[in-house]
């Protein structure tokens, strides 16, 4: 019986170590994500006017992935030097229109 107990004890230790390693990896990943979000927010403060940031924040409530994609594109433009001045609300609207493209209206007619 002591051999079985020893095997169980070792296996339990292994599982505990794996759990600790996984927790530390998750914590590290979350910390990197927080740092990335803080950097992204700082860049957005530099390249967007308050009105434009407000528009993106409102849009984020319904289309989070779309706004994330737009923000990354804006950051790339800023880092490549293609954005010379802060983007205002009107410019952001035009950019959003270009990115979304033309939507087709679908009308259903019942007879």
PDB file of N, CA and C in Angstrom:
ATOM      1  N   UNK A   1       0.816  -1.192   0.000  1.00  0.00           N
ATOM      2  CA  UNK A   1       0.000   0.000   0.000  1.00  0.00           C
ATOM      3  C   UNK A   1       0.861   1.259   0.000  1.00  0.00           C
ATOM      4  N   UNK A   2       2.008   1.235   0.611  1.00  0.00           N
ATOM      5  CA  UNK A   2       2.837   2.435   0.684  1.00  0.00           C
ATOM      6  C   UNK A   2       3.346   2.842  -0.695  1.00  0.00           C
ATOM      7  N   UNK A   3       3.572   1.884  -1.610  1.00  0.00           N
ATOM      8  CA  UNK A   3       4.005   2.210  -2.961  1.00  0.00           C
ATOM      9  C   UNK A   3       2.922   2.991  -3.696  1.00  0.00           C
ATOM     10  N   UNK A   4       1.696   2.543  -3.537  1.00  0.00           N
ATOM     11  CA  UNK A   4       0.573   3.233  -4.186  1.00  0.00           C
ATOM     12  C   UNK A   4       0.424   4.637  -3.610  1.00  0.00           C
ATOM     13  N   UNK A   5       0.552   4.756  -2.308  1.00  0.00           N
ATOM     14  CA  UNK A   5       0.445   6.074  -1.668  1.00  0.00           C
ATOM     15  C   UNK A   5       1.570   6.993  -2.129  1.00  0.00           C
ATOM     16  N   UNK A   6       2.769   6.442  -2.284  1.00  0.00           N
ATOM     17  CA  UNK A   6       3.912   7.235  -2.752  1.00  0.00           C
ATOM     18  C   UNK A   6       3.688   7.710  -4.183  1.00  0.00           C
ATOM     19  N   UNK A   7       3.180   6.835  -5.043  1.00  0.00           N
ATOM     20  CA  UNK A   7       2.881   7.214  -6.431  1.00  0.00           C
ATOM     21  C   UNK A   7       1.821   8.309  -6.462  1.00  0.00           C
ATOM     22  N   UNK A   8       0.789   8.161  -5.656  1.00  0.00           N
ATOM     23  CA  UNK A   8      -0.274   9.180  -5.587  1.00  0.00           C
ATOM     24  C   UNK A   8       0.280  10.514  -5.108  1.00  0.00           C
ATOM     25  N   UNK A   9       1.127  10.458  -4.089  1.00  0.00           N
ATOM     26  CA  UNK A   9       1.704  11.684  -3.545  1.00  0.00           C
ATOM     27  C   UNK A   9       2.556  12.384  -4.597  1.00  0.00           C
ATOM     28  N   UNK A  10       3.373  11.639  -5.333  1.00  0.00           N
ATOM     29  CA  UNK A  10       4.211  12.229  -6.381  1.00  0.00           C
ATOM     30  C   UNK A  10       3.360  12.810  -7.500  1.00  0.00           C
ATOM     31  N   UNK A  11       2.327  12.089  -7.871  1.00  0.00           N
ATOM     32  CA  UNK A  11       1.441  12.570  -8.933  1.00  0.00           C
ATOM     33  C   UNK A  11       0.727  13.855  -8.494  1.00  0.00           C
ATOM     34  N   UNK A  12       0.315  13.904  -7.251  1.00  0.00           N
ATOM     35  CA  UNK A  12      -0.333  15.104  -6.722  1.00  0.00           C
ATOM     36  C   UNK A  12       0.625  16.285  -6.739  1.00  0.00           C
ATOM     37  N   UNK A  13       1.885  16.048  -6.393  1.00  0.00           N
ATOM     38  CA  UNK A  13       2.885  17.116  -6.445  1.00  0.00           C
ATOM     39  C   UNK A  13       3.091  17.598  -7.874  1.00  0.00           C
ATOM     40  N   UNK A  14       3.138  16.667  -8.811  1.00  0.00           N
ATOM     41  CA  UNK A  14       3.303  17.046 -10.212  1.00  0.00           C
ATOM     42  C   UNK A  14       2.135  17.914 -10.684  1.00  0.00           C
ATOM     43  N   UNK A  15       0.931  17.503 -10.326  1.00  0.00           N
ATOM     44  CA  UNK A  15      -0.253  18.265 -10.726  1.00  0.00           C
ATOM     45  C   UNK A  15      -0.259  19.661 -10.103  1.00  0.00           C
ATOM     46  N   UNK A  16       0.179  19.753  -8.854  1.00  0.00           N
ATOM     47  CA  UNK A  16       0.248  21.052  -8.192  1.00  0.00           C
ATOM     48  C   UNK A  16       1.281  21.957  -8.864  1.00  0.00           C
ATOM     49  N   UNK A  17       2.421  21.391  -9.224  1.00  0.00           N
ATOM     50  CA  UNK A  17       3.453  22.178  -9.908  1.00  0.00           C
ATOM     51  C   UNK A  17       2.954  22.657 -11.272  1.00  0.00           C
ATOM     52  N   UNK A  18       2.267  21.779 -11.992  1.00  0.00           N
ATOM     53  CA  UNK A  18       1.718  22.168 -13.293  1.00  0.00           C
ATOM     54  C   UNK A  18       0.702  23.294 -13.137  1.00  0.00           C
ATOM     55  N   UNK A  19      -0.123  23.195 -12.104  1.00  0.00           N
ATOM     56  CA  UNK A  19      -1.132  24.237 -11.862  1.00  0.00           C
ATOM     57  C   UNK A  19      -0.464  25.573 -11.537  1.00  0.00           C
ATOM     58  N   UNK A  20       0.594  25.537 -10.728  1.00  0.00           N
ATOM     59  CA  UNK A  20       1.316  26.763 -10.401  1.00  0.00           C
ATOM     60  C   UNK A  20       1.977  27.379 -11.639  1.00  0.00           C
ATOM     61  N   UNK A  21       2.570  26.541 -12.470  1.00  0.00           N
ATOM     62  CA  UNK A  21       3.204  27.030 -13.695  1.00  0.00           C
ATOM     63  C   UNK A  21       2.168  27.647 -14.637  1.00  0.00           C
ATOM     64  N   UNK A  22       1.020  27.010 -14.717  1.00  0.00           N
ATOM     65  CA  UNK A  22      -0.042  27.521 -15.584  1.00  0.00           C
ATOM     66  C   UNK A  22      -0.568  28.857 -15.053  1.00  0.00           C
ATOM     67  N   UNK A  23      -0.720  28.977 -13.760  1.00  0.00           N
ATOM     68  CA  UNK A  23      -1.185  30.231 -13.162  1.00  0.00           C
ATOM     69  C   UNK A  23      -0.183  31.351 -13.401  1.00  0.00           C
ATOM     70  N   UNK A  24       1.096  31.058 -13.255  1.00  0.00           N
ATOM     71  CA  UNK A  24       2.102  32.095 -13.468  1.00  0.00           C
ATOM     72  C   UNK A  24       2.156  32.509 -14.939  1.00  0.00           C
ATOM     73  N   UNK A  25       1.984  31.548 -15.844  1.00  0.00           N
ATOM     74  CA  UNK A  25       1.963  31.873 -17.275  1.00  0.00           C
ATOM     75  C   UNK A  25       0.745  32.735 -17.612  1.00  0.00           C
ATOM     76  N   UNK A  26      -0.403  32.429 -17.015  1.00  0.00           N
ATOM     77  CA  UNK A  26      -1.608  33.219 -17.253  1.00  0.00           C
ATOM     78  C   UNK A  26      -1.447  34.628 -16.695  1.00  0.00           C
ATOM     79  N   UNK A  27      -0.855  34.740 -15.511  1.00  0.00           N
ATOM     80  CA  UNK A  27      -0.635  36.051 -14.909  1.00  0.00           C
ATOM     81  C   UNK A  27       0.309  36.884 -15.772  1.00  0.00           C
ATOM     82  N   UNK A  28       1.343  36.252 -16.298  1.00  0.00           N
ATOM     83  CA  UNK A  28       2.292  36.953 -17.163  1.00  0.00           C
ATOM     84  C   UNK A  28       1.604  37.409 -18.446  1.00  0.00           C
ATOM     85  N   UNK A  29       0.769  36.563 -18.990  1.00  0.00           N
ATOM     86  CA  UNK A  29       0.032  36.902 -20.210  1.00  0.00           C
ATOM     87  C   UNK A  29      -0.917  38.074 -19.961  1.00  0.00           C
ATOM     88  N   UNK A  30      -1.595  38.056 -18.838  1.00  0.00           N
ATOM     89  CA  UNK A  30      -2.508  39.146 -18.497  1.00  0.00           C
ATOM     90  C   UNK A  30      -1.745  40.451 -18.298  1.00  0.00           C
ATOM     91  N   UNK A  31      -0.581  40.377 -17.699  1.00  0.00           N
ATOM     92  CA  UNK A  31       0.236  41.572 -17.483  1.00  0.00           C
ATOM     93  C   UNK A  31       0.683  42.158 -18.825  1.00  0.00           C
ATOM     94  N   UNK A  32       1.093  41.308 -19.748  1.00  0.00           N
ATOM     95  CA  UNK A  32       1.485  41.779 -21.078  1.00  0.00           C
ATOM     96  C   UNK A  32       0.313  42.421 -21.790  1.00  0.00           C
ATOM     97  N   UNK A  33      -0.873  41.830 -21.625  1.00  0.00           N
ATOM     98  CA  UNK A  33      -2.073  42.380 -22.266  1.00  0.00           C
ATOM     99  C   UNK A  33      -2.406  43.752 -21.680  1.00  0.00           C
ATOM    100  N   UNK A  34      -2.262  43.915 -20.367  1.00  0.00           N
ATOM    101  CA  UNK A  34      -2.517  45.219 -19.733  1.00  0.00           C
ATOM    102  C   UNK A  34      -1.526  46.261 -20.229  1.00  0.00           C
ATOM    103  N   UNK A  35      -0.263  45.866 -20.368  1.00  0.00           N
ATOM    104  CA  UNK A  35       0.751  46.794 -20.873  1.00  0.00           C
ATOM    105  C   UNK A  35       0.434  47.210 -22.300  1.00  0.00           C
ATOM    106  N   UNK A  36       0.034  46.253 -23.126  1.00  0.00           N
ATOM    107  CA  UNK A  36      -0.326  46.548 -24.510  1.00  0.00           C
ATOM    108  C   UNK A  36      -1.502  47.512 -24.569  1.00  0.00           C
ATOM    109  N   UNK A  37      -2.523  47.264 -23.754  1.00  0.00           N
ATOM    110  CA  UNK A  37      -3.702  48.133 -23.733  1.00  0.00           C
ATOM    111  C   UNK A  37      -3.332  49.539 -23.266  1.00  0.00           C
ATOM    112  N   UNK A  38      -2.442  49.641 -22.286  1.00  0.00           N
ATOM    113  CA  UNK A  38      -2.016  50.957 -21.806  1.00  0.00           C
ATOM    114  C   UNK A  38      -1.254  51.711 -22.899  1.00  0.00           C
ATOM    115  N   UNK A  39      -0.389  51.009 -23.620  1.00  0.00           N
ATOM    116  CA  UNK A  39       0.342  51.642 -24.718  1.00  0.00           C
ATOM    117  C   UNK A  39      -0.604  52.072 -25.823  1.00  0.00           C
ATOM    118  N   UNK A  40      -1.573  51.228 -26.124  1.00  0.00           N
ATOM    119  CA  UNK A  40      -2.549  51.539 -27.169  1.00  0.00           C
ATOM    120  C   UNK A  40      -3.361  52.773 -26.776  1.00  0.00           C
ATOM    121  N   UNK A  41      -3.760  52.832 -25.519  1.00  0.00           N
ATOM    122  CA  UNK A  41      -4.532  53.983 -25.041  1.00  0.00           C
ATOM    123  C   UNK A  41      -3.704  55.263 -25.142  1.00  0.00           C
ATOM    124  N   UNK A  42      -2.441  55.188 -24.791  1.00  0.00           N
ATOM    125  CA  UNK A  42      -1.558  56.356 -24.855  1.00  0.00           C
ATOM    126  C   UNK A  42      -1.412  56.856 -26.288  1.00  0.00           C
ATOM    127  N   UNK A  43      -1.248  55.927 -27.213  1.00  0.00           N
ATOM    128  CA  UNK A  43      -1.121  56.322 -28.620  1.00  0.00           C
ATOM    129  C   UNK A  43      -2.429  56.933 -29.120  1.00  0.00           C
ATOM    130  N   UNK A  44      -3.561  56.355 -28.728  1.00  0.00           N
ATOM    131  CA  UNK A  44      -4.859  56.899 -29.143  1.00  0.00           C
ATOM    132  C   UNK A  44      -5.039  58.323 -28.614  1.00  0.00           C
ATOM    133  N   UNK A  45      -4.542  58.584 -27.403  1.00  0.00           N
ATOM    134  CA  UNK A  45      -4.616  59.946 -26.847  1.00  0.00           C
ATOM    135  C   UNK A  45      -3.816  60.926 -27.701  1.00  0.00           C
ATOM    136  N   UNK A  46      -2.732  60.442 -28.285  1.00  0.00           N
ATOM    137  CA  UNK A  46      -1.862  61.305 -29.082  1.00  0.00           C
ATOM    138  C   UNK A  46      -2.396  61.556 -30.480  1.00  0.00           C
ATOM    139  N   UNK A  47      -3.109  60.590 -31.060  1.00  0.00           N
ATOM    140  CA  UNK A  47      -3.490  60.743 -32.466  1.00  0.00           C
ATOM    141  C   UNK A  47      -4.959  61.069 -32.690  1.00  0.00           C
ATOM    142  N   UNK A  48      -5.799  60.994 -31.645  1.00  0.00           N
ATOM    143  CA  UNK A  48      -7.219  61.290 -31.811  1.00  0.00           C
ATOM    144  C   UNK A  48      -7.658  62.450 -30.917  1.00  0.00           C
ATOM    145  N   UNK A  49      -8.585  63.241 -31.427  1.00  0.00           N
ATOM    146  CA  UNK A  49      -9.177  64.295 -30.604  1.00  0.00           C
ATOM    147  C   UNK A  49     -10.141  63.640 -29.610  1.00  0.00           C
ATOM    148  N   UNK A  50     -10.532  64.352 -28.560  1.00  0.00           N
ATOM    149  CA  UNK A  50     -11.477  63.766 -27.598  1.00  0.00           C
ATOM    150  C   UNK A  50     -12.791  63.312 -28.237  1.00  0.00           C
ATOM    151  N   UNK A  51     -13.285  64.071 -29.211  1.00  0.00           N
ATOM    152  CA  UNK A  51     -14.537  63.699 -29.871  1.00  0.00           C
ATOM    153  C   UNK A  51     -14.380  62.388 -30.644  1.00  0.00           C
ATOM    154  N   UNK A  52     -13.256  62.239 -31.328  1.00  0.00           N
ATOM    155  CA  UNK A  52     -13.002  61.016 -32.091  1.00  0.00           C
ATOM    156  C   UNK A  52     -12.852  59.818 -31.146  1.00  0.00           C
ATOM    157  N   UNK A  53     -12.163  60.013 -30.035  1.00  0.00           N
ATOM    158  CA  UNK A  53     -12.025  58.923 -29.048  1.00  0.00           C
ATOM    159  C   UNK A  53     -13.396  58.540 -28.494  1.00  0.00           C
ATOM    160  N   UNK A  54     -14.230  59.537 -28.274  1.00  0.00           N
ATOM    161  CA  UNK A  54     -15.575  59.279 -27.767  1.00  0.00           C
ATOM    162  C   UNK A  54     -16.378  58.460 -28.779  1.00  0.00           C
ATOM    163  N   UNK A  55     -16.257  58.812 -30.058  1.00  0.00           N
ATOM    164  CA  UNK A  55     -16.962  58.062 -31.099  1.00  0.00           C
ATOM    165  C   UNK A  55     -16.503  56.604 -31.112  1.00  0.00           C
ATOM    166  N   UNK A  56     -15.201  56.379 -31.026  1.00  0.00           N
ATOM    167  CA  UNK A  56     -14.691  55.003 -31.007  1.00  0.00           C
ATOM    168  C   UNK A  56     -15.173  54.252 -29.764  1.00  0.00           C
ATOM    169  N   UNK A  57     -15.219  54.939 -28.636  1.00  0.00           N
ATOM    170  CA  UNK A  57     -15.680  54.295 -27.401  1.00  0.00           C
ATOM    171  C   UNK A  57     -17.144  53.875 -27.535  1.00  0.00           C
ATOM    172  N   UNK A  58     -17.960  54.739 -28.141  1.00  0.00           N
ATOM    173  CA  UNK A  58     -19.371  54.394 -28.342  1.00  0.00           C
ATOM    174  C   UNK A  58     -19.509  53.229 -29.322  1.00  0.00           C
ATOM    175  N   UNK A  59     -18.716  53.259 -30.362  1.00  0.00           N
ATOM    176  CA  UNK A  59     -18.770  52.204 -31.361  1.00  0.00           C
ATOM    177  C   UNK A  59     -18.285  50.877 -30.783  1.00  0.00           C
ATOM    178  N   UNK A  60     -17.348  50.944 -29.842  1.00  0.00           N
ATOM    179  CA  UNK A  60     -16.812  49.734 -29.206  1.00  0.00           C
ATOM    180  C   UNK A  60     -17.909  48.946 -28.487  1.00  0.00           C
ATOM    181  N   UNK A  61     -18.932  49.634 -28.011  1.00  0.00           N
ATOM    182  CA  UNK A  61     -20.008  48.949 -27.291  1.00  0.00           C
ATOM    183  C   UNK A  61     -20.741  47.942 -28.166  1.00  0.00           C
ATOM    184  N   UNK A  62     -20.796  48.212 -29.472  1.00  0.00           N
ATOM    185  CA  UNK A  62     -21.515  47.308 -30.360  1.00  0.00           C
ATOM    186  C   UNK A  62     -20.594  46.481 -31.251  1.00  0.00           C
ATOM    187  N   UNK A  63     -19.412  47.027 -31.593  1.00  0.00           N
ATOM    188  CA  UNK A  63     -18.519  46.348 -32.529  1.00  0.00           C
ATOM    189  C   UNK A  63     -17.086  46.357 -32.008  1.00  0.00           C
ATOM    190  N   UNK A  64     -16.846  45.593 -30.951  1.00  0.00           N
ATOM    191  CA  UNK A  64     -15.545  45.604 -30.294  1.00  0.00           C
ATOM    192  C   UNK A  64     -14.411  45.185 -31.238  1.00  0.00           C
ATOM    193  N   UNK A  65     -14.587  44.096 -31.980  1.00  0.00           N
ATOM    194  CA  UNK A  65     -13.530  43.604 -32.862  1.00  0.00           C
ATOM    195  C   UNK A  65     -13.227  44.611 -33.970  1.00  0.00           C
ATOM    196  N   UNK A  66     -14.274  45.238 -34.491  1.00  0.00           N
ATOM    197  CA  UNK A  66     -14.101  46.230 -35.551  1.00  0.00           C
ATOM    198  C   UNK A  66     -13.288  47.415 -35.037  1.00  0.00           C
ATOM    199  N   UNK A  67     -13.606  47.893 -33.845  1.00  0.00           N
ATOM    200  CA  UNK A  67     -12.880  49.032 -33.267  1.00  0.00           C
ATOM    201  C   UNK A  67     -11.438  48.647 -32.966  1.00  0.00           C
ATOM    202  N   UNK A  68     -11.212  47.448 -32.474  1.00  0.00           N
ATOM    203  CA  UNK A  68      -9.838  46.986 -32.241  1.00  0.00           C
ATOM    204  C   UNK A  68      -9.033  47.003 -33.541  1.00  0.00           C
ATOM    205  N   UNK A  69      -9.660  46.558 -34.612  1.00  0.00           N
ATOM    206  CA  UNK A  69      -9.000  46.540 -35.911  1.00  0.00           C
ATOM    207  C   UNK A  69      -8.691  47.970 -36.380  1.00  0.00           C
ATOM    208  N   UNK A  70      -9.626  48.876 -36.214  1.00  0.00           N
ATOM    209  CA  UNK A  70      -9.431  50.279 -36.612  1.00  0.00           C
ATOM    210  C   UNK A  70      -8.302  50.894 -35.787  1.00  0.00           C
ATOM    211  N   UNK A  71      -8.300  50.639 -34.493  1.00  0.00           N
ATOM    212  CA  UNK A  71      -7.252  51.192 -33.634  1.00  0.00           C
ATOM    213  C   UNK A  71      -5.873  50.697 -34.057  1.00  0.00           C
ATOM    214  N   UNK A  72      -5.765  49.412 -34.354  1.00  0.00           N
ATOM    215  CA  UNK A  72      -4.476  48.879 -34.787  1.00  0.00           C
ATOM    216  C   UNK A  72      -4.034  49.508 -36.106  1.00  0.00           C
ATOM    217  N   UNK A  73      -4.969  49.743 -37.015  1.00  0.00           N
ATOM    218  CA  UNK A  73      -4.631  50.393 -38.274  1.00  0.00           C
ATOM    219  C   UNK A  73      -4.164  51.825 -38.038  1.00  0.00           C
ATOM    220  N   UNK A  74      -4.844  52.529 -37.134  1.00  0.00           N
ATOM    221  CA  UNK A  74      -4.457  53.908 -36.809  1.00  0.00           C
ATOM    222  C   UNK A  74      -3.062  53.945 -36.185  1.00  0.00           C
ATOM    223  N   UNK A  75      -2.787  53.001 -35.313  1.00  0.00           N
ATOM    224  CA  UNK A  75      -1.473  52.939 -34.670  1.00  0.00           C
ATOM    225  C   UNK A  75      -0.391  52.675 -35.716  1.00  0.00           C
ATOM    226  N   UNK A  76      -0.668  51.778 -36.645  1.00  0.00           N
ATOM    227  CA  UNK A  76       0.310  51.500 -37.697  1.00  0.00           C
ATOM    228  C   UNK A  76       0.554  52.736 -38.555  1.00  0.00           C
ATOM    229  N   UNK A  77      -0.517  53.461 -38.872  1.00  0.00           N
ATOM    230  CA  UNK A  77      -0.362  54.688 -39.653  1.00  0.00           C
ATOM    231  C   UNK A  77       0.471  55.719 -38.892  1.00  0.00           C
ATOM    232  N   UNK A  78       0.212  55.838 -37.599  1.00  0.00           N
ATOM    233  CA  UNK A  78       0.952  56.803 -36.784  1.00  0.00           C
ATOM    234  C   UNK A  78       2.421  56.413 -36.681  1.00  0.00           C
ATOM    235  N   UNK A  79       2.687  55.145 -36.499  1.00  0.00           N
ATOM    236  CA  UNK A  79       4.064  54.694 -36.358  1.00  0.00           C
ATOM    237  C   UNK A  79       4.848  54.806 -37.664  1.00  0.00           C
ATOM    238  N   UNK A  80       4.137  54.716 -38.787  1.00  0.00           N
ATOM    239  CA  UNK A  80       4.821  54.852 -40.074  1.00  0.00           C
ATOM    240  C   UNK A  80       4.962  56.318 -40.487  1.00  0.00           C
ATOM    241  N   UNK A  81       4.401  57.226 -39.678  1.00  0.00           N
ATOM    242  CA  UNK A  81       4.534  58.658 -39.948  1.00  0.00           C
ATOM    243  C   UNK A  81       3.521  59.204 -40.933  1.00  0.00           C
ATOM    244  N   UNK A  82       2.484  58.453 -41.217  1.00  0.00           N
ATOM    245  CA  UNK A  82       1.483  58.905 -42.187  1.00  0.00           C
ATOM    246  C   UNK A  82       0.410  59.785 -41.563  1.00  0.00           C
ATOM    247  N   UNK A  83       0.374  59.863 -40.241  1.00  0.00           N
ATOM    248  CA  UNK A  83      -0.565  60.756 -39.557  1.00  0.00           C
ATOM    249  C   UNK A  83       0.239  61.938 -39.041  1.00  0.00           C
ATOM    250  N   UNK A  84      -0.063  63.115 -39.577  1.00  0.00           N
ATOM    251  CA  UNK A  84       0.698  64.318 -39.220  1.00  0.00           C
ATOM    252  C   UNK A  84       0.058  65.095 -38.069  1.00  0.00           C
ATOM    253  N   UNK A  85      -1.261  65.115 -38.013  1.00  0.00           N
ATOM    254  CA  UNK A  85      -1.975  65.863 -36.976  1.00  0.00           C
ATOM    255  C   UNK A  85      -3.029  64.949 -36.353  1.00  0.00           C
ATOM    256  N   UNK A  86      -3.614  65.409 -35.253  1.00  0.00           N
ATOM    257  CA  UNK A  86      -4.649  64.610 -34.597  1.00  0.00           C
ATOM    258  C   UNK A  86      -5.840  64.436 -35.536  1.00  0.00           C
ATOM    259  N   UNK A  87      -6.403  63.258 -35.488  1.00  0.00           N
ATOM    260  CA  UNK A  87      -7.579  62.955 -36.302  1.00  0.00           C
ATOM    261  C   UNK A  87      -8.807  63.420 -35.540  1.00  0.00           C
ATOM    262  N   UNK A  88      -9.614  64.276 -36.186  1.00  0.00           N
ATOM    263  CA  UNK A  88     -10.825  64.764 -35.526  1.00  0.00           C
ATOM    264  C   UNK A  88     -12.010  63.844 -35.845  1.00  0.00           C
ATOM    265  N   UNK A  89     -13.161  64.193 -35.305  1.00  0.00           N
ATOM    266  CA  UNK A  89     -14.350  63.358 -35.432  1.00  0.00           C
ATOM    267  C   UNK A  89     -14.772  63.207 -36.892  1.00  0.00           C
ATOM    268  N   UNK A  90     -14.746  64.291 -37.654  1.00  0.00           N
ATOM    269  CA  UNK A  90     -15.156  64.236 -39.060  1.00  0.00           C
ATOM    270  C   UNK A  90     -14.215  63.334 -39.865  1.00  0.00           C
ATOM    271  N   UNK A  91     -12.926  63.461 -39.629  1.00  0.00           N
ATOM    272  CA  UNK A  91     -11.968  62.613 -40.338  1.00  0.00           C
ATOM    273  C   UNK A  91     -12.170  61.149 -39.976  1.00  0.00           C
ATOM    274  N   UNK A  92     -12.461  60.895 -38.698  1.00  0.00           N
ATOM    275  CA  UNK A  92     -12.702  59.521 -38.259  1.00  0.00           C
ATOM    276  C   UNK A  92     -13.954  58.967 -38.928  1.00  0.00           C
ATOM    277  N   UNK A  93     -15.000  59.778 -39.034  1.00  0.00           N
ATOM    278  CA  UNK A  93     -16.222  59.336 -39.716  1.00  0.00           C
ATOM    279  C   UNK A  93     -15.915  58.919 -41.149  1.00  0.00           C
ATOM    280  N   UNK A  94     -15.133  59.738 -41.841  1.00  0.00           N
ATOM    281  CA  UNK A  94     -14.780  59.427 -43.226  1.00  0.00           C
ATOM    282  C   UNK A  94     -13.968  58.130 -43.301  1.00  0.00           C
ATOM    283  N   UNK A  95     -13.045  57.971 -42.377  1.00  0.00           N
ATOM    284  CA  UNK A  95     -12.247  56.751 -42.337  1.00  0.00           C
ATOM    285  C   UNK A  95     -13.130  55.531 -42.099  1.00  0.00           C
ATOM    286  N   UNK A  96     -14.068  55.656 -41.170  1.00  0.00           N
ATOM    287  CA  UNK A  96     -14.965  54.538 -40.874  1.00  0.00           C
ATOM    288  C   UNK A  96     -15.834  54.207 -42.085  1.00  0.00           C
ATOM    289  N   UNK A  97     -16.278  55.237 -42.809  1.00  0.00           N
ATOM    290  CA  UNK A  97     -17.080  54.988 -44.014  1.00  0.00           C
ATOM    291  C   UNK A  97     -16.267  54.237 -45.057  1.00  0.00           C
ATOM    292  N   UNK A  98     -15.006  54.625 -45.223  1.00  0.00           N
ATOM    293  CA  UNK A  98     -14.158  53.957 -46.207  1.00  0.00           C
ATOM    294  C   UNK A  98     -13.898  52.507 -45.819  1.00  0.00           C
ATOM    295  N   UNK A  99     -13.689  52.281 -44.545  1.00  0.00           N
ATOM    296  CA  UNK A  99     -13.366  50.928 -44.087  1.00  0.00           C
ATOM    297  C   UNK A  99     -14.578  50.005 -44.184  1.00  0.00           C
ATOM    298  N   UNK A 100     -15.756  50.519 -43.828  1.00  0.00           N
ATOM    299  CA  UNK A 100     -16.942  49.666 -43.869  1.00  0.00           C
ATOM    300  C   UNK A 100     -17.418  49.445 -45.294  1.00  0.00           C
ATOM    301  N   UNK A 101     -17.068  50.367 -46.195  1.00  0.00           N
ATOM    302  CA  UNK A 101     -17.479  50.206 -47.583  1.00  0.00           C
ATOM    303  C   UNK A 101     -18.951  50.484 -47.746  1.00  0.00           C
ATOM    304  N   UNK A 102     -19.432  50.219 -48.900  1.00  0.00           N
ATOM    305  CA  UNK A 102     -20.854  50.453 -49.141  1.00  0.00           C
ATOM    306  C   UNK A 102     -21.633  49.208 -48.748  1.00  0.00           C
ATOM    307  N   UNK A 103     -22.673  49.429 -48.013  1.00  0.00           N
ATOM    308  CA  UNK A 103     -23.524  48.318 -47.602  1.00  0.00           C
ATOM    309  C   UNK A 103     -24.704  48.242 -48.558  1.00  0.00           C
ATOM    310  N   UNK A 104     -25.074  47.044 -48.869  1.00  0.00           N
ATOM    311  CA  UNK A 104     -26.236  46.873 -49.728  1.00  0.00           C
ATOM    312  C   UNK A 104     -27.480  46.865 -48.866  1.00  0.00           C
ATOM    313  N   UNK A 105     -28.472  47.608 -49.292  1.00  0.00           N
ATOM    314  CA  UNK A 105     -29.752  47.584 -48.606  1.00  0.00           C
ATOM    315  C   UNK A 105     -30.579  46.446 -49.163  1.00  0.00           C
ATOM    316  N   UNK A 106     -31.105  45.676 -48.293  1.00  0.00           N
ATOM    317  CA  UNK A 106     -31.938  44.543 -48.706  1.00  0.00           C
ATOM    318  C   UNK A 106     -33.370  44.859 -48.310  1.00  0.00           C
ATOM    319  N   UNK A 107     -34.221  44.908 -49.291  1.00  0.00           N
ATOM    320  CA  UNK A 107     -35.636  45.161 -49.053  1.00  0.00           C
ATOM    321  C   UNK A 107     -36.411  43.904 -49.378  1.00  0.00           C
ATOM    322  N   UNK A 108     -37.241  43.487 -48.443  1.00  0.00           N
ATOM    323  CA  UNK A 108     -38.080  42.323 -48.660  1.00  0.00           C
ATOM    324  C   UNK A 108     -39.489  42.826 -48.911  1.00  0.00           C
ATOM    325  N   UNK A 109     -40.030  42.460 -50.044  1.00  0.00           N
ATOM    326  CA  UNK A 109     -41.375  42.901 -50.400  1.00  0.00           C
ATOM    327  C   UNK A 109     -42.291  41.678 -50.330  1.00  0.00           C
ATOM    328  N   UNK A 110     -43.309  41.791 -49.527  1.00  0.00           N
ATOM    329  CA  UNK A 110     -44.274  40.697 -49.396  1.00  0.00           C
ATOM    330  C   UNK A 110     -45.500  41.022 -50.230  1.00  0.00           C
ATOM    331  N   UNK A 111     -46.023  40.001 -50.860  1.00  0.00           N
ATOM    332  CA  UNK A 111     -47.222  40.191 -51.683  1.00  0.00           C
ATOM    333  C   UNK A 111     -48.372  39.431 -51.114  1.00  0.00           C
TER     334      UNK A 111
END
